[in-house]
Each structure stands twice: as C-alpha cells, then as structure tokens.
PDB file of N, CA and C in Angstrom:
ATOM      1  N   UNK A   1      80.728  97.069  56.330  1.00  0.00           N
ATOM      2  CA  UNK A   1      81.216  97.131  57.695  1.00  0.00           C
ATOM      3  C   UNK A   1      80.528  98.304  58.390  1.00  0.00           C
ATOM      4  N   UNK A   2      79.893  98.038  59.545  1.00  0.00           N
ATOM      5  CA  UNK A   2      79.209  99.115  60.244  1.00  0.00           C
ATOM      6  C   UNK A   2      80.201 100.090  60.875  1.00  0.00           C
ATOM      7  N   UNK A   3      79.771 101.316  61.001  1.00  0.00           N
ATOM      8  CA  UNK A   3      80.599 102.347  61.639  1.00  0.00           C
ATOM      9  C   UNK A   3      80.583 102.126  63.152  1.00  0.00           C
ATOM     10  N   UNK A   4      81.724 102.308  63.797  1.00  0.00           N
ATOM     11  CA  UNK A   4      81.725 102.184  65.257  1.00  0.00           C
ATOM     12  C   UNK A   4      80.893 103.308  65.870  1.00  0.00           C
ATOM     13  N   UNK A   5      80.201 102.980  66.935  1.00  0.00           N
ATOM     14  CA  UNK A   5      79.376 103.974  67.599  1.00  0.00           C
ATOM     15  C   UNK A   5      80.102 104.529  68.814  1.00  0.00           C
ATOM     16  N   UNK A   6      79.876 105.796  69.050  1.00  0.00           N
ATOM     17  CA  UNK A   6      80.446 106.428  70.239  1.00  0.00           C
ATOM     18  C   UNK A   6      79.627 105.987  71.444  1.00  0.00           C
ATOM     19  N   UNK A   7      80.314 105.542  72.466  1.00  0.00           N
ATOM     20  CA  UNK A   7      79.618 105.113  73.677  1.00  0.00           C
ATOM     21  C   UNK A   7      79.285 106.339  74.521  1.00  0.00           C
ATOM     22  N   UNK A   8      78.026 106.553  74.732  1.00  0.00           N
ATOM     23  CA  UNK A   8      77.598 107.706  75.524  1.00  0.00           C
ATOM     24  C   UNK A   8      77.677 107.372  77.008  1.00  0.00           C
ATOM     25  N   UNK A   9      77.601 108.399  77.811  1.00  0.00           N
ATOM     26  CA  UNK A   9      77.591 108.176  79.263  1.00  0.00           C
ATOM     27  C   UNK A   9      76.388 107.362  79.685  1.00  0.00           C
ATOM     28  N   UNK A  10      75.227 107.685  79.132  1.00  0.00           N
ATOM     29  CA  UNK A  10      74.005 106.952  79.478  1.00  0.00           C
ATOM     30  C   UNK A  10      74.107 105.490  79.046  1.00  0.00           C
ATOM     31  N   UNK A  11      74.693 105.248  77.882  1.00  0.00           N
ATOM     32  CA  UNK A  11      74.868 103.874  77.417  1.00  0.00           C
ATOM     33  C   UNK A  11      75.804 103.088  78.312  1.00  0.00           C
ATOM     34  N   UNK A  12      76.854 103.731  78.771  1.00  0.00           N
ATOM     35  CA  UNK A  12      77.802 103.058  79.674  1.00  0.00           C
ATOM     36  C   UNK A  12      77.137 102.716  81.013  1.00  0.00           C
ATOM     37  N   UNK A  13      76.348 103.647  81.531  1.00  0.00           N
ATOM     38  CA  UNK A  13      75.643 103.389  82.794  1.00  0.00           C
ATOM     39  C   UNK A  13      74.664 102.239  82.620  1.00  0.00           C
ATOM     40  N   UNK A  14      73.957 102.217  81.509  1.00  0.00           N
ATOM     41  CA  UNK A  14      73.007 101.134  81.263  1.00  0.00           C
ATOM     42  C   UNK A  14      73.721  99.780  81.207  1.00  0.00           C
ATOM     43  N   UNK A  15      74.856  99.722  80.499  1.00  0.00           N
ATOM     44  CA  UNK A  15      75.607  98.458  80.406  1.00  0.00           C
ATOM     45  C   UNK A  15      76.104  98.033  81.791  1.00  0.00           C
ATOM     46  N   UNK A  16      76.609  98.992  82.570  1.00  0.00           N
ATOM     47  CA  UNK A  16      77.070  98.691  83.925  1.00  0.00           C
ATOM     48  C   UNK A  16      75.919  98.133  84.751  1.00  0.00           C
ATOM     49  N   UNK A  17      74.772  98.766  84.645  1.00  0.00           N
ATOM     50  CA  UNK A  17      73.607  98.317  85.413  1.00  0.00           C
ATOM     51  C   UNK A  17      73.205  96.891  85.039  1.00  0.00           C
ATOM     52  N   UNK A  18      73.300  96.563  83.761  1.00  0.00           N
ATOM     53  CA  UNK A  18      72.952  95.222  83.319  1.00  0.00           C
ATOM     54  C   UNK A  18      73.975  94.186  83.792  1.00  0.00           C
ATOM     55  N   UNK A  19      75.250  94.572  83.881  1.00  0.00           N
ATOM     56  CA  UNK A  19      76.303  93.641  84.292  1.00  0.00           C
ATOM     57  C   UNK A  19      76.346  93.442  85.800  1.00  0.00           C
ATOM     58  N   UNK A  20      75.862  94.407  86.546  1.00  0.00           N
ATOM     59  CA  UNK A  20      75.994  94.374  87.998  1.00  0.00           C
ATOM     60  C   UNK A  20      74.947  93.459  88.602  1.00  0.00           C
ATOM     61  N   UNK A  21      75.411  92.391  89.217  1.00  0.00           N
ATOM     62  CA  UNK A  21      74.521  91.461  89.908  1.00  0.00           C
ATOM     63  C   UNK A  21      75.092  91.263  91.306  1.00  0.00           C
ATOM     64  N   UNK A  22      74.430  91.774  92.332  1.00  0.00           N
ATOM     65  CA  UNK A  22      74.973  91.694  93.700  1.00  0.00           C
ATOM     66  C   UNK A  22      75.319  90.280  94.141  1.00  0.00           C
ATOM     67  N   UNK A  23      74.566  89.292  93.697  1.00  0.00           N
ATOM     68  CA  UNK A  23      74.855  87.914  94.107  1.00  0.00           C
ATOM     69  C   UNK A  23      76.173  87.422  93.526  1.00  0.00           C
ATOM     70  N   UNK A  24      76.443  87.762  92.268  1.00  0.00           N
ATOM     71  CA  UNK A  24      77.701  87.349  91.641  1.00  0.00           C
ATOM     72  C   UNK A  24      78.872  88.073  92.302  1.00  0.00           C
ATOM     73  N   UNK A  25      78.720  89.366  92.534  1.00  0.00           N
ATOM     74  CA  UNK A  25      79.786  90.132  93.184  1.00  0.00           C
ATOM     75  C   UNK A  25      80.063  89.562  94.569  1.00  0.00           C
ATOM     76  N   UNK A  26      79.011  89.285  95.323  1.00  0.00           N
ATOM     77  CA  UNK A  26      79.156  88.726  96.670  1.00  0.00           C
ATOM     78  C   UNK A  26      79.898  87.391  96.626  1.00  0.00           C
ATOM     79  N   UNK A  27      79.541  86.519  95.674  1.00  0.00           N
ATOM     80  CA  UNK A  27      80.186  85.203  95.615  1.00  0.00           C
ATOM     81  C   UNK A  27      81.654  85.325  95.192  1.00  0.00           C
ATOM     82  N   UNK A  28      81.959  86.268  94.306  1.00  0.00           N
ATOM     83  CA  UNK A  28      83.360  86.455  93.903  1.00  0.00           C
ATOM     84  C   UNK A  28      84.206  86.943  95.069  1.00  0.00           C
ATOM     85  N   UNK A  29      83.682  87.903  95.825  1.00  0.00           N
ATOM     86  CA  UNK A  29      84.418  88.385  96.994  1.00  0.00           C
ATOM     87  C   UNK A  29      84.577  87.284  98.034  1.00  0.00           C
ATOM     88  N   UNK A  30      83.540  86.503  98.254  1.00  0.00           N
ATOM     89  CA  UNK A  30      83.610  85.417  99.232  1.00  0.00           C
ATOM     90  C   UNK A  30      84.657  84.382  98.825  1.00  0.00           C
ATOM     91  N   UNK A  31      84.780  84.137  97.521  1.00  0.00           N
ATOM     92  CA  UNK A  31      85.722  83.123  97.034  1.00  0.00           C
ATOM     93  C   UNK A  31      87.171  83.510  97.288  1.00  0.00           C
ATOM     94  N   UNK A  32      87.474  84.785  97.262  1.00  0.00           N
ATOM     95  CA  UNK A  32      88.873  85.217  97.410  1.00  0.00           C
ATOM     96  C   UNK A  32      89.158  85.900  98.747  1.00  0.00           C
ATOM     97  N   UNK A  33      88.190  85.905  99.652  1.00  0.00           N
ATOM     98  CA  UNK A  33      88.351  86.636 100.910  1.00  0.00           C
ATOM     99  C   UNK A  33      89.591  86.217 101.689  1.00  0.00           C
ATOM    100  N   UNK A  34      89.796  84.934 101.895  1.00  0.00           N
ATOM    101  CA  UNK A  34      90.930  84.472 102.690  1.00  0.00           C
ATOM    102  C   UNK A  34      92.261  84.886 102.072  1.00  0.00           C
ATOM    103  N   UNK A  35      92.378  84.728 100.765  1.00  0.00           N
ATOM    104  CA  UNK A  35      93.606  85.125 100.076  1.00  0.00           C
ATOM    105  C   UNK A  35      93.813  86.640 100.190  1.00  0.00           C
ATOM    106  N   UNK A  36      92.749  87.409 100.012  1.00  0.00           N
ATOM    107  CA  UNK A  36      92.850  88.865 100.093  1.00  0.00           C
ATOM    108  C   UNK A  36      93.296  89.310 101.482  1.00  0.00           C
ATOM    109  N   UNK A  37      92.766  88.672 102.510  1.00  0.00           N
ATOM    110  CA  UNK A  37      93.153  89.021 103.879  1.00  0.00           C
ATOM    111  C   UNK A  37      94.626  88.673 104.122  1.00  0.00           C
ATOM    112  N   UNK A  38      95.078  87.508 103.636  1.00  0.00           N
ATOM    113  CA  UNK A  38      96.490  87.135 103.780  1.00  0.00           C
ATOM    114  C   UNK A  38      97.401  88.156 103.114  1.00  0.00           C
ATOM    115  N   UNK A  39      97.054  88.531 101.889  1.00  0.00           N
ATOM    116  CA  UNK A  39      97.878  89.501 101.166  1.00  0.00           C
ATOM    117  C   UNK A  39      97.874  90.863 101.857  1.00  0.00           C
ATOM    118  N   UNK A  40      96.722  91.285 102.335  1.00  0.00           N
ATOM    119  CA  UNK A  40      96.637  92.565 103.036  1.00  0.00           C
ATOM    120  C   UNK A  40      97.478  92.528 104.308  1.00  0.00           C
ATOM    121  N   UNK A  41      97.420  91.420 105.015  1.00  0.00           N
ATOM    122  CA  UNK A  41      98.205  91.283 106.246  1.00  0.00           C
ATOM    123  C   UNK A  41      99.700  91.361 105.949  1.00  0.00           C
ATOM    124  N   UNK A  42     100.140  90.649 104.918  1.00  0.00           N
ATOM    125  CA  UNK A  42     101.559  90.697 104.545  1.00  0.00           C
ATOM    126  C   UNK A  42     101.982  92.123 104.203  1.00  0.00           C
ATOM    127  N   UNK A  43     101.174  92.797 103.408  1.00  0.00           N
ATOM    128  CA  UNK A  43     101.498  94.157 103.007  1.00  0.00           C
ATOM    129  C   UNK A  43     101.515  95.120 104.176  1.00  0.00           C
ATOM    130  N   UNK A  44     100.559  94.984 105.073  1.00  0.00           N
ATOM    131  CA  UNK A  44     100.485  95.896 106.220  1.00  0.00           C
ATOM    132  C   UNK A  44     101.639  95.669 107.191  1.00  0.00           C
ATOM    133  N   UNK A  45     102.001  94.428 107.381  1.00  0.00           N
ATOM    134  CA  UNK A  45     103.129  94.122 108.270  1.00  0.00           C
ATOM    135  C   UNK A  45     104.414  94.708 107.693  1.00  0.00           C
ATOM    136  N   UNK A  46     104.613  94.532 106.392  1.00  0.00           N
ATOM    137  CA  UNK A  46     105.810  95.069 105.747  1.00  0.00           C
ATOM    138  C   UNK A  46     105.822  96.586 105.806  1.00  0.00           C
ATOM    139  N   UNK A  47     104.683  97.210 105.504  1.00  0.00           N
ATOM    140  CA  UNK A  47     104.672  98.672 105.536  1.00  0.00           C
ATOM    141  C   UNK A  47     104.845  99.193 106.944  1.00  0.00           C
ATOM    142  N   UNK A  48     104.335  98.494 107.942  1.00  0.00           N
ATOM    143  CA  UNK A  48     104.556  98.911 109.333  1.00  0.00           C
ATOM    144  C   UNK A  48     106.048  98.899 109.660  1.00  0.00           C
ATOM    145  N   UNK A  49     106.746  97.875 109.180  1.00  0.00           N
ATOM    146  CA  UNK A  49     108.196  97.803 109.412  1.00  0.00           C
ATOM    147  C   UNK A  49     108.904  98.973 108.738  1.00  0.00           C
ATOM    148  N   UNK A  50     108.530  99.279 107.506  1.00  0.00           N
ATOM    149  CA  UNK A  50     109.133 100.400 106.794  1.00  0.00           C
ATOM    150  C   UNK A  50     108.828 101.707 107.520  1.00  0.00           C
ATOM    151  N   UNK A  51     107.578 101.888 107.916  1.00  0.00           N
ATOM    152  CA  UNK A  51     107.171 103.114 108.604  1.00  0.00           C
ATOM    153  C   UNK A  51     107.961 103.298 109.903  1.00  0.00           C
ATOM    154  N   UNK A  52     108.165 102.217 110.638  1.00  0.00           N
ATOM    155  CA  UNK A  52     108.919 102.290 111.886  1.00  0.00           C
ATOM    156  C   UNK A  52     110.367 102.706 111.623  1.00  0.00           C
ATOM    157  N   UNK A  53     110.991 102.111 110.608  1.00  0.00           N
ATOM    158  CA  UNK A  53     112.377 102.461 110.275  1.00  0.00           C
ATOM    159  C   UNK A  53     112.489 103.905 109.779  1.00  0.00           C
ATOM    160  N   UNK A  54     111.507 104.347 108.999  1.00  0.00           N
ATOM    161  CA  UNK A  54     111.522 105.729 108.511  1.00  0.00           C
ATOM    162  C   UNK A  54     111.326 106.700 109.670  1.00  0.00           C
ATOM    163  N   UNK A  55     110.452 106.374 110.591  1.00  0.00           N
ATOM    164  CA  UNK A  55     110.257 107.252 111.765  1.00  0.00           C
ATOM    165  C   UNK A  55     111.545 107.363 112.571  1.00  0.00           C
ATOM    166  N   UNK A  56     112.299 106.282 112.655  1.00  0.00           N
ATOM    167  CA  UNK A  56     113.598 106.338 113.346  1.00  0.00           C
ATOM    168  C   UNK A  56     114.545 107.313 112.638  1.00  0.00           C
ATOM    169  N   UNK A  57     114.539 107.292 111.307  1.00  0.00           N
ATOM    170  CA  UNK A  57     115.376 108.221 110.534  1.00  0.00           C
ATOM    171  C   UNK A  57     114.927 109.658 110.803  1.00  0.00           C
ATOM    172  N   UNK A  58     113.626 109.891 110.786  1.00  0.00           N
ATOM    173  CA  UNK A  58     113.101 111.236 111.018  1.00  0.00           C
ATOM    174  C   UNK A  58     113.414 111.724 112.427  1.00  0.00           C
ATOM    175  N   UNK A  59     113.352 110.828 113.398  1.00  0.00           N
ATOM    176  CA  UNK A  59     113.723 111.189 114.765  1.00  0.00           C
ATOM    177  C   UNK A  59     115.189 111.590 114.842  1.00  0.00           C
ATOM    178  N   UNK A  60     116.012 110.848 114.122  1.00  0.00           N
ATOM    179  CA  UNK A  60     117.453 111.140 114.116  1.00  0.00           C
ATOM    180  C   UNK A  60     117.738 112.552 113.612  1.00  0.00           C
ATOM    181  N   UNK A  61     116.952 113.010 112.628  1.00  0.00           N
ATOM    182  CA  UNK A  61     117.165 114.342 112.060  1.00  0.00           C
ATOM    183  C   UNK A  61     116.270 115.413 112.687  1.00  0.00           C
ATOM    184  N   UNK A  62     115.485 115.041 113.674  1.00  0.00           N
ATOM    185  CA  UNK A  62     114.639 116.016 114.346  1.00  0.00           C
ATOM    186  C   UNK A  62     113.480 116.518 113.498  1.00  0.00           C
ATOM    187  N   UNK A  63     113.006 115.700 112.573  1.00  0.00           N
ATOM    188  CA  UNK A  63     111.876 116.086 111.720  1.00  0.00           C
ATOM    189  C   UNK A  63     110.588 115.899 112.529  1.00  0.00           C
ATOM    190  N   UNK A  64     109.821 116.987 112.669  1.00  0.00           N
ATOM    191  CA  UNK A  64     108.606 116.940 113.472  1.00  0.00           C
ATOM    192  C   UNK A  64     107.418 117.489 112.697  1.00  0.00           C
ATOM    193  N   UNK A  65     106.251 117.341 113.289  1.00  0.00           N
ATOM    194  CA  UNK A  65     105.030 117.922 112.757  1.00  0.00           C
ATOM    195  C   UNK A  65     104.687 117.464 111.356  1.00  0.00           C
ATOM    196  N   UNK A  66     104.114 118.387 110.570  1.00  0.00           N
ATOM    197  CA  UNK A  66     103.663 118.033 109.225  1.00  0.00           C
ATOM    198  C   UNK A  66     104.798 117.567 108.299  1.00  0.00           C
ATOM    199  N   UNK A  67     106.027 117.961 108.604  1.00  0.00           N
ATOM    200  CA  UNK A  67     107.150 117.527 107.769  1.00  0.00           C
ATOM    201  C   UNK A  67     107.329 116.014 107.811  1.00  0.00           C
ATOM    202  N   UNK A  68     106.961 115.396 108.925  1.00  0.00           N
ATOM    203  CA  UNK A  68     107.057 113.933 109.007  1.00  0.00           C
ATOM    204  C   UNK A  68     106.167 113.279 107.956  1.00  0.00           C
ATOM    205  N   UNK A  69     104.987 113.862 107.770  1.00  0.00           N
ATOM    206  CA  UNK A  69     104.044 113.304 106.797  1.00  0.00           C
ATOM    207  C   UNK A  69     104.625 113.334 105.385  1.00  0.00           C
ATOM    208  N   UNK A  70     105.391 114.365 105.080  1.00  0.00           N
ATOM    209  CA  UNK A  70     106.006 114.476 103.755  1.00  0.00           C
ATOM    210  C   UNK A  70     106.939 113.289 103.505  1.00  0.00           C
ATOM    211  N   UNK A  71     107.773 112.982 104.470  1.00  0.00           N
ATOM    212  CA  UNK A  71     108.737 111.887 104.314  1.00  0.00           C
ATOM    213  C   UNK A  71     108.063 110.517 104.382  1.00  0.00           C
ATOM    214  N   UNK A  72     107.044 110.382 105.233  1.00  0.00           N
ATOM    215  CA  UNK A  72     106.327 109.113 105.298  1.00  0.00           C
ATOM    216  C   UNK A  72     105.556 108.858 103.996  1.00  0.00           C
ATOM    217  N   UNK A  73     105.024 109.918 103.394  1.00  0.00           N
ATOM    218  CA  UNK A  73     104.346 109.771 102.104  1.00  0.00           C
ATOM    219  C   UNK A  73     105.337 109.338 101.030  1.00  0.00           C
ATOM    220  N   UNK A  74     106.545 109.878 101.087  1.00  0.00           N
ATOM    221  CA  UNK A  74     107.590 109.464 100.146  1.00  0.00           C
ATOM    222  C   UNK A  74     107.874 107.963 100.293  1.00  0.00           C
ATOM    223  N   UNK A  75     108.027 107.517 101.527  1.00  0.00           N
ATOM    224  CA  UNK A  75     108.315 106.100 101.770  1.00  0.00           C
ATOM    225  C   UNK A  75     107.182 105.216 101.259  1.00  0.00           C
ATOM    226  N   UNK A  76     105.949 105.638 101.497  1.00  0.00           N
ATOM    227  CA  UNK A  76     104.799 104.850 101.051  1.00  0.00           C
ATOM    228  C   UNK A  76     104.740 104.776  99.527  1.00  0.00           C
ATOM    229  N   UNK A  77     104.923 105.902  98.877  1.00  0.00           N
ATOM    230  CA  UNK A  77     104.903 105.941  97.411  1.00  0.00           C
ATOM    231  C   UNK A  77     106.045 105.103  96.841  1.00  0.00           C
ATOM    232  N   UNK A  78     107.219 105.240  97.414  1.00  0.00           N
ATOM    233  CA  UNK A  78     108.374 104.478  96.958  1.00  0.00           C
ATOM    234  C   UNK A  78     108.138 102.981  97.135  1.00  0.00           C
ATOM    235  N   UNK A  79     107.586 102.592  98.253  1.00  0.00           N
ATOM    236  CA  UNK A  79     107.309 101.183  98.512  1.00  0.00           C
ATOM    237  C   UNK A  79     106.368 100.611  97.448  1.00  0.00           C
ATOM    238  N   UNK A  80     105.313 101.339  97.143  1.00  0.00           N
ATOM    239  CA  UNK A  80     104.360 100.869  96.130  1.00  0.00           C
ATOM    240  C   UNK A  80     105.033 100.701  94.774  1.00  0.00           C
ATOM    241  N   UNK A  81     105.912 101.621  94.416  1.00  0.00           N
ATOM    242  CA  UNK A  81     106.602 101.523  93.123  1.00  0.00           C
ATOM    243  C   UNK A  81     107.692 100.450  93.151  1.00  0.00           C
ATOM    244  N   UNK A  82     108.395 100.354  94.245  1.00  0.00           N
ATOM    245  CA  UNK A  82     109.510  99.414  94.332  1.00  0.00           C
ATOM    246  C   UNK A  82     109.042  97.965  94.221  1.00  0.00           C
ATOM    247  N   UNK A  83     107.840  97.693  94.670  1.00  0.00           N
ATOM    248  CA  UNK A  83     107.314  96.327  94.577  1.00  0.00           C
ATOM    249  C   UNK A  83     107.139  95.876  93.134  1.00  0.00           C
ATOM    250  N   UNK A  84     106.987  96.828  92.237  1.00  0.00           N
ATOM    251  CA  UNK A  84     106.714  96.500  90.837  1.00  0.00           C
ATOM    252  C   UNK A  84     107.968  96.343  89.997  1.00  0.00           C
ATOM    253  N   UNK A  85     109.116  96.650  90.540  1.00  0.00           N
ATOM    254  CA  UNK A  85     110.338  96.696  89.744  1.00  0.00           C
ATOM    255  C   UNK A  85     111.436  95.856  90.370  1.00  0.00           C
ATOM    256  N   UNK A  86     112.395  95.484  89.539  1.00  0.00           N
ATOM    257  CA  UNK A  86     113.593  94.833  90.034  1.00  0.00           C
ATOM    258  C   UNK A  86     114.538  95.878  90.603  1.00  0.00           C
ATOM    259  N   UNK A  87     115.713  95.453  90.959  1.00  0.00           N
ATOM    260  CA  UNK A  87     116.642  96.340  91.654  1.00  0.00           C
ATOM    261  C   UNK A  87     117.015  97.579  90.845  1.00  0.00           C
ATOM    262  N   UNK A  88     117.512  97.420  89.634  1.00  0.00           N
ATOM    263  CA  UNK A  88     117.969  98.579  88.851  1.00  0.00           C
ATOM    264  C   UNK A  88     116.832  99.530  88.506  1.00  0.00           C
ATOM    265  N   UNK A  89     115.719  98.971  88.032  1.00  0.00           N
ATOM    266  CA  UNK A  89     114.573  99.817  87.704  1.00  0.00           C
ATOM    267  C   UNK A  89     114.027 100.473  88.966  1.00  0.00           C
ATOM    268  N   UNK A  90     114.022  99.754  90.060  1.00  0.00           N
ATOM    269  CA  UNK A  90     113.546 100.310  91.329  1.00  0.00           C
ATOM    270  C   UNK A  90     114.385 101.486  91.791  1.00  0.00           C
ATOM    271  N   UNK A  91     115.692 101.399  91.607  1.00  0.00           N
ATOM    272  CA  UNK A  91     116.583 102.505  91.984  1.00  0.00           C
ATOM    273  C   UNK A  91     116.306 103.723  91.104  1.00  0.00           C
ATOM    274  N   UNK A  92     116.073 103.497  89.804  1.00  0.00           N
ATOM    275  CA  UNK A  92     115.756 104.623  88.914  1.00  0.00           C
ATOM    276  C   UNK A  92     114.452 105.299  89.325  1.00  0.00           C
ATOM    277  N   UNK A  93     113.453 104.515  89.647  1.00  0.00           N
ATOM    278  CA  UNK A  93     112.185 105.081  90.100  1.00  0.00           C
ATOM    279  C   UNK A  93     112.404 105.846  91.400  1.00  0.00           C
ATOM    280  N   UNK A  94     113.192 105.275  92.301  1.00  0.00           N
ATOM    281  CA  UNK A  94     113.473 105.933  93.579  1.00  0.00           C
ATOM    282  C   UNK A  94     114.138 107.288  93.366  1.00  0.00           C
ATOM    283  N   UNK A  95     115.094 107.337  92.468  1.00  0.00           N
ATOM    284  CA  UNK A  95     115.779 108.603  92.208  1.00  0.00           C
ATOM    285  C   UNK A  95     114.851 109.628  91.567  1.00  0.00           C
ATOM    286  N   UNK A  96     113.945 109.171  90.706  1.00  0.00           N
ATOM    287  CA  UNK A  96     112.958 110.074  90.113  1.00  0.00           C
ATOM    288  C   UNK A  96     112.011 110.637  91.161  1.00  0.00           C
ATOM    289  N   UNK A  97     111.527 109.767  92.039  1.00  0.00           N
ATOM    290  CA  UNK A  97     110.664 110.230  93.119  1.00  0.00           C
ATOM    291  C   UNK A  97     111.407 111.180  94.050  1.00  0.00           C
ATOM    292  N   UNK A  98     112.666 110.875  94.298  1.00  0.00           N
ATOM    293  CA  UNK A  98     113.484 111.740  95.157  1.00  0.00           C
ATOM    294  C   UNK A  98     113.550 113.147  94.568  1.00  0.00           C
ATOM    295  N   UNK A  99     113.848 113.253  93.282  1.00  0.00           N
ATOM    296  CA  UNK A  99     113.922 114.571  92.645  1.00  0.00           C
ATOM    297  C   UNK A  99     112.585 115.301  92.741  1.00  0.00           C
ATOM    298  N   UNK A 100     111.510 114.567  92.550  1.00  0.00           N
ATOM    299  CA  UNK A 100     110.181 115.178  92.652  1.00  0.00           C
ATOM    300  C   UNK A 100     109.937 115.710  94.067  1.00  0.00           C
ATOM    301  N   UNK A 101     110.239 114.895  95.083  1.00  0.00           N
ATOM    302  CA  UNK A 101     109.995 115.308  96.468  1.00  0.00           C
ATOM    303  C   UNK A 101     110.875 116.502  96.854  1.00  0.00           C
ATOM    304  N   UNK A 102     112.093 116.522  96.351  1.00  0.00           N
ATOM    305  CA  UNK A 102     112.981 117.650  96.646  1.00  0.00           C
ATOM    306  C   UNK A 102     112.425 118.919  96.010  1.00  0.00           C
ATOM    307  N   UNK A 103     112.018 118.826  94.761  1.00  0.00           N
ATOM    308  CA  UNK A 103     111.530 119.998  94.033  1.00  0.00           C
ATOM    309  C   UNK A 103     110.155 120.451  94.521  1.00  0.00           C
ATOM    310  N   UNK A 104     109.227 119.512  94.633  1.00  0.00           N
ATOM    311  CA  UNK A 104     107.841 119.870  94.950  1.00  0.00           C
ATOM    312  C   UNK A 104     107.614 120.164  96.427  1.00  0.00           C
ATOM    313  N   UNK A 105     108.305 119.448  97.305  1.00  0.00           N
ATOM    314  CA  UNK A 105     108.022 119.557  98.736  1.00  0.00           C
ATOM    315  C   UNK A 105     109.185 120.097  99.556  1.00  0.00           C
ATOM    316  N   UNK A 106     110.305 120.362  98.913  1.00  0.00           N
ATOM    317  CA  UNK A 106     111.458 120.887  99.636  1.00  0.00           C
ATOM    318  C   UNK A 106     112.086 119.886 100.593  1.00  0.00           C
ATOM    319  N   UNK A 107     111.950 118.606 100.287  1.00  0.00           N
ATOM    320  CA  UNK A 107     112.511 117.566 101.155  1.00  0.00           C
ATOM    321  C   UNK A 107     114.032 117.557 101.065  1.00  0.00           C
ATOM    322  N   UNK A 108     114.653 117.131 102.142  1.00  0.00           N
ATOM    323  CA  UNK A 108     116.109 117.044 102.216  1.00  0.00           C
ATOM    324  C   UNK A 108     116.575 115.785 101.470  1.00  0.00           C
ATOM    325  N   UNK A 109     117.408 115.947 100.427  1.00  0.00           N
ATOM    326  CA  UNK A 109     117.832 114.784  99.635  1.00  0.00           C
ATOM    327  C   UNK A 109     118.611 113.740 100.436  1.00  0.00           C
ATOM    328  N   UNK A 110     119.351 114.159 101.438  1.00  0.00           N
ATOM    329  CA  UNK A 110     120.105 113.196 102.256  1.00  0.00           C
ATOM    330  C   UNK A 110     119.170 112.296 103.054  1.00  0.00           C
ATOM    331  N   UNK A 111     118.121 112.892 103.581  1.00  0.00           N
ATOM    332  CA  UNK A 111     117.149 112.096 104.333  1.00  0.00           C
ATOM    333  C   UNK A 111     116.416 111.147 103.385  1.00  0.00           C
ATOM    334  N   UNK A 112     116.066 111.640 102.208  1.00  0.00           N
ATOM    335  CA  UNK A 112     115.399 110.783 101.221  1.00  0.00           C
ATOM    336  C   UNK A 112     116.295 109.622 100.814  1.00  0.00           C
ATOM    337  N   UNK A 113     117.604 109.857 100.712  1.00  0.00           N
ATOM    338  CA  UNK A 113     118.530 108.767 100.380  1.00  0.00           C
ATOM    339  C   UNK A 113     118.485 107.669 101.440  1.00  0.00           C
ATOM    340  N   UNK A 114     118.435 108.064 102.693  1.00  0.00           N
ATOM    341  CA  UNK A 114     118.353 107.056 103.761  1.00  0.00           C
ATOM    342  C   UNK A 114     117.044 106.277 103.676  1.00  0.00           C
ATOM    343  N   UNK A 115     115.969 106.988 103.370  1.00  0.00           N
ATOM    344  CA  UNK A 115     114.671 106.323 103.227  1.00  0.00           C
ATOM    345  C   UNK A 115     114.700 105.373 102.033  1.00  0.00           C
ATOM    346  N   UNK A 116     115.320 105.799 100.944  1.00  0.00           N
ATOM    347  CA  UNK A 116     115.449 104.933  99.765  1.00  0.00           C
ATOM    348  C   UNK A 116     116.190 103.650 100.138  1.00  0.00           C
ATOM    349  N   UNK A 117     117.265 103.768 100.891  1.00  0.00           N
ATOM    350  CA  UNK A 117     118.025 102.587 101.296  1.00  0.00           C
ATOM    351  C   UNK A 117     117.176 101.617 102.105  1.00  0.00           C
ATOM    352  N   UNK A 118     116.378 102.146 103.023  1.00  0.00           N
ATOM    353  CA  UNK A 118     115.521 101.302 103.862  1.00  0.00           C
ATOM    354  C   UNK A 118     114.448 100.619 103.019  1.00  0.00           C
ATOM    355  N   UNK A 119     113.742 101.406 102.227  1.00  0.00           N
ATOM    356  CA  UNK A 119     112.613 100.862 101.475  1.00  0.00           C
ATOM    357  C   UNK A 119     113.061  99.870 100.414  1.00  0.00           C
ATOM    358  N   UNK A 120     114.095 100.216  99.666  1.00  0.00           N
ATOM    359  CA  UNK A 120     114.530  99.301  98.608  1.00  0.00           C
ATOM    360  C   UNK A 120     115.120  98.014  99.187  1.00  0.00           C
ATOM    361  N   UNK A 121     115.724  98.096 100.346  1.00  0.00           N
ATOM    362  CA  UNK A 121     116.269  96.881 100.962  1.00  0.00           C
ATOM    363  C   UNK A 121     115.148  95.915 101.352  1.00  0.00           C
ATOM    364  N   UNK A 122     114.011  96.468 101.738  1.00  0.00           N
ATOM    365  CA  UNK A 122     112.883  95.617 102.143  1.00  0.00           C
ATOM    366  C   UNK A 122     112.037  95.207 100.948  1.00  0.00           C
ATOM    367  N   UNK A 123     111.766  96.132 100.053  1.00  0.00           N
ATOM    368  CA  UNK A 123     110.821  95.873  98.967  1.00  0.00           C
ATOM    369  C   UNK A 123     111.422  95.158  97.771  1.00  0.00           C
ATOM    370  N   UNK A 124     112.712  95.374  97.513  1.00  0.00           N
ATOM    371  CA  UNK A 124     113.343  94.762  96.338  1.00  0.00           C
ATOM    372  C   UNK A 124     114.290  93.683  96.848  1.00  0.00           C
ATOM    373  N   UNK A 125     113.880  92.419  96.762  1.00  0.00           N
ATOM    374  CA  UNK A 125     114.650  91.349  97.384  1.00  0.00           C
ATOM    375  C   UNK A 125     115.939  90.944  96.684  1.00  0.00           C
ATOM    376  N   UNK A 126     116.192  91.440  95.491  1.00  0.00           N
ATOM    377  CA  UNK A 126     117.420  91.014  94.798  1.00  0.00           C
ATOM    378  C   UNK A 126     118.182  92.175  94.236  1.00  0.00           C
TER     379      UNK A 126
END
C-alpha cells in the first residue's frame, strides 16, 4: 500500500488550473441563472421586510448612528442561522447570538429580544 502524499500548495494550484475550464463554468452558471435569480429575489425581499421591521424597533428605542448597524447586523446574522433550523433549535441559536451581541457589542438584551421575535417569526415557519 503506497504512503499518502502531502498535497503541497503548488500541487493544489496545478490541480485547480487543470480543472478550471471557463467554458464549463460559464455553461454551469447559465444553466442555473434563472433559479439563482429567483432564490436571490426571494431572499432579498424577505430580508428587506426584516430590515424594515428592525428599523422600526430601533426607531422606537431611539437607536441612531453606528449603533443601528450593530442591531441590523444581529438581525442579518440571526436570519441566516434561523433559516437552517427548526423552531426550537432556532430559538437556541438566537439566544446564543443574543448573549454574544450583549457581551461583545454591549447591545441591549430587551431590544435583541424584540428583534429575535421578528426574525424568528418570519424565518422559522413552524
């Protein structure tokens, strides 16, 4: 049995170069373009709705300037995670992210709770 060889950086680049064919890549992208655009549109419309609702929450609490970005980033991160989980797991992830945002960024936990309610209601359908 031959010994496994360590893949060097140069070897990996060479293999990548051999696999890369612009015509094949172009045809693969062309084949899925319509589906990709539909999915992107659905995601952007949903995130726009979440962003609008979160901005309303921030307005209610008088959050301005760079602090708004902190809460909007929380909503975006939560949305991405919530899409991957069911209700119970999604709530656990939300609470973990909440603790992180409170500790790392000094976010207000009450405001984060409201954002969690908005995002999970939209992203987790059951």
